[in-house]
Amino acid sequence: MTKKQLTKLCKSDSSVRVRFIAPACGSMVAQVCLDRNGEAIGELLKDPKGRVITYQNLSQAYDLCRSAGVVEAELFQVIPHDEACAGGGDVANRQTMALTL
């Protein structure tokens, strides 16, 4: 999904959600989440050439989404599993935070 498509969706549908996915060792990406015909769909934001847009920090992601009309997002942090850490499963390794842009 491109920024132009996201802008169009934001104008026509208020149920569009954006999730910023931040891996511990890489660049952040933005995933647009929406419901189509009762099915949840997630698409990464891409540039007009079809390459996934990456962000070095949250400010860059905010700016793009704000300009498209997104007012709420979710930060999804992925922490690599370390066998030395206590705890188990995905619950210990994934954290989310609601954001208002």
Protein backbone atom coordinates (compact mmCIF):
# COMPACT_ATOMS: atom_id res chain seq x y z
CA MET A 1 0.00 0.00 0.00
CA THR A 2 1.32 3.45 -0.91
CA LYS A 3 0.92 6.71 0.99
CA LYS A 4 -1.54 7.89 -1.67
CA GLN A 5 -3.70 4.79 -1.11
CA LEU A 6 -3.47 5.27 2.67
CA THR A 7 -4.61 8.90 2.36
CA LYS A 8 -7.58 7.82 0.25
CA LEU A 9 -8.48 5.11 2.80
CA CYS A 10 -8.26 7.55 5.72
CA LYS A 11 -10.68 9.91 3.99
CA SER A 12 -13.21 7.18 3.26
CA ASP A 13 -12.85 4.75 6.19
CA SER A 14 -12.37 5.61 9.86
CA SER A 15 -11.46 2.03 10.85
CA VAL A 16 -7.95 2.17 9.34
CA ARG A 17 -5.26 1.33 11.90
CA VAL A 18 -1.51 1.67 11.54
CA ARG A 19 1.01 -0.42 13.42
CA PHE A 20 4.64 0.67 13.60
CA ILE A 21 6.72 -2.51 13.80
CA ALA A 22 10.07 -1.89 15.48
CA PRO A 23 12.50 -4.81 15.55
CA ALA A 24 15.33 -4.50 18.05
CA CYS A 25 18.03 -4.75 15.40
CA GLY A 26 16.59 -3.10 12.31
CA SER A 27 14.60 -0.30 10.74
CA MET A 28 10.97 0.33 11.64
CA VAL A 29 8.17 -0.32 9.12
CA ALA A 30 4.51 0.72 9.07
CA GLN A 31 1.72 -1.82 8.57
CA VAL A 32 -1.77 -0.65 7.61
CA CYS A 33 -4.44 -2.86 9.21
CA LEU A 34 -8.02 -2.88 7.97
CA ASP A 35 -11.02 -5.13 7.65
CA ARG A 36 -12.18 -6.20 4.20
CA ASN A 37 -15.31 -8.30 3.99
CA GLY A 38 -14.91 -9.36 7.63
CA GLU A 39 -11.30 -10.43 7.13
CA ALA A 40 -8.41 -8.63 8.83
CA ILE A 41 -5.74 -7.54 6.35
CA GLY A 42 -2.34 -6.01 7.03
CA GLU A 43 -0.23 -4.37 4.32
CA LEU A 44 3.16 -2.70 4.67
CA LEU A 45 3.54 0.88 3.46
CA LYS A 46 5.55 1.01 0.23
CA ASP A 47 6.94 3.70 -2.02
CA PRO A 48 5.56 4.15 -5.57
CA LYS A 49 8.19 1.68 -6.87
CA GLY A 50 6.87 -1.06 -4.56
CA ARG A 51 9.72 -1.04 -2.02
CA VAL A 52 8.84 -1.22 1.66
CA ILE A 53 9.38 2.16 3.36
CA THR A 54 11.66 1.97 6.39
CA TYR A 55 12.06 4.51 9.17
CA GLN A 56 15.06 5.17 11.39
CA ASN A 57 12.91 6.62 14.19
CA LEU A 58 9.33 7.15 15.30
CA SER A 59 9.32 10.83 14.20
CA GLN A 60 9.76 9.85 10.56
CA ALA A 61 6.89 7.36 10.77
CA TYR A 62 4.68 9.92 12.57
CA ASP A 63 5.27 12.53 9.87
CA LEU A 64 4.31 10.26 7.01
CA CYS A 65 1.19 8.95 8.75
CA ARG A 66 0.05 12.38 9.96
CA SER A 67 0.32 13.76 6.43
CA ALA A 68 -1.85 10.86 5.20
CA GLY A 69 -4.55 11.56 7.81
CA VAL A 70 -3.81 8.84 10.36
CA VAL A 71 -4.60 9.98 13.92
CA GLU A 72 -3.97 6.79 15.92
CA ALA A 73 -1.36 4.08 15.65
CA GLU A 74 0.17 1.27 17.63
CA LEU A 75 3.85 0.70 18.34
CA PHE A 76 4.73 -2.99 18.14
CA GLN A 77 8.20 -3.79 19.43
CA VAL A 78 9.79 -7.13 18.65
CA ILE A 79 12.61 -8.19 20.93
CA PRO A 80 14.76 -11.11 19.77
CA HIS A 81 14.56 -14.17 21.96
CA ASP A 82 17.52 -14.68 24.20
CA GLU A 83 17.74 -18.09 25.80
CA ALA A 84 19.37 -16.47 28.84
CA CYS A 85 16.18 -14.48 29.53
CA ALA A 86 13.52 -15.94 31.78
CA GLY A 87 9.96 -16.14 30.55
CA GLY A 88 8.42 -17.97 27.72
CA GLY A 89 6.80 -17.60 24.36
CA ASP A 90 5.72 -14.65 22.32
CA VAL A 91 4.11 -12.80 25.23
CA ALA A 92 7.49 -12.11 26.80
CA ASN A 93 9.05 -11.06 23.48
CA ARG A 94 6.43 -8.68 22.05
CA GLN A 95 5.18 -5.44 23.50
CA THR A 96 2.64 -2.98 22.08
CA MET A 97 1.81 0.61 22.95
CA ALA A 98 -1.09 2.75 21.72
CA LEU A 99 -0.03 6.05 20.14
CA THR A 100 -1.99 9.22 19.30
CA LEU A 101 -0.48 11.22 16.45
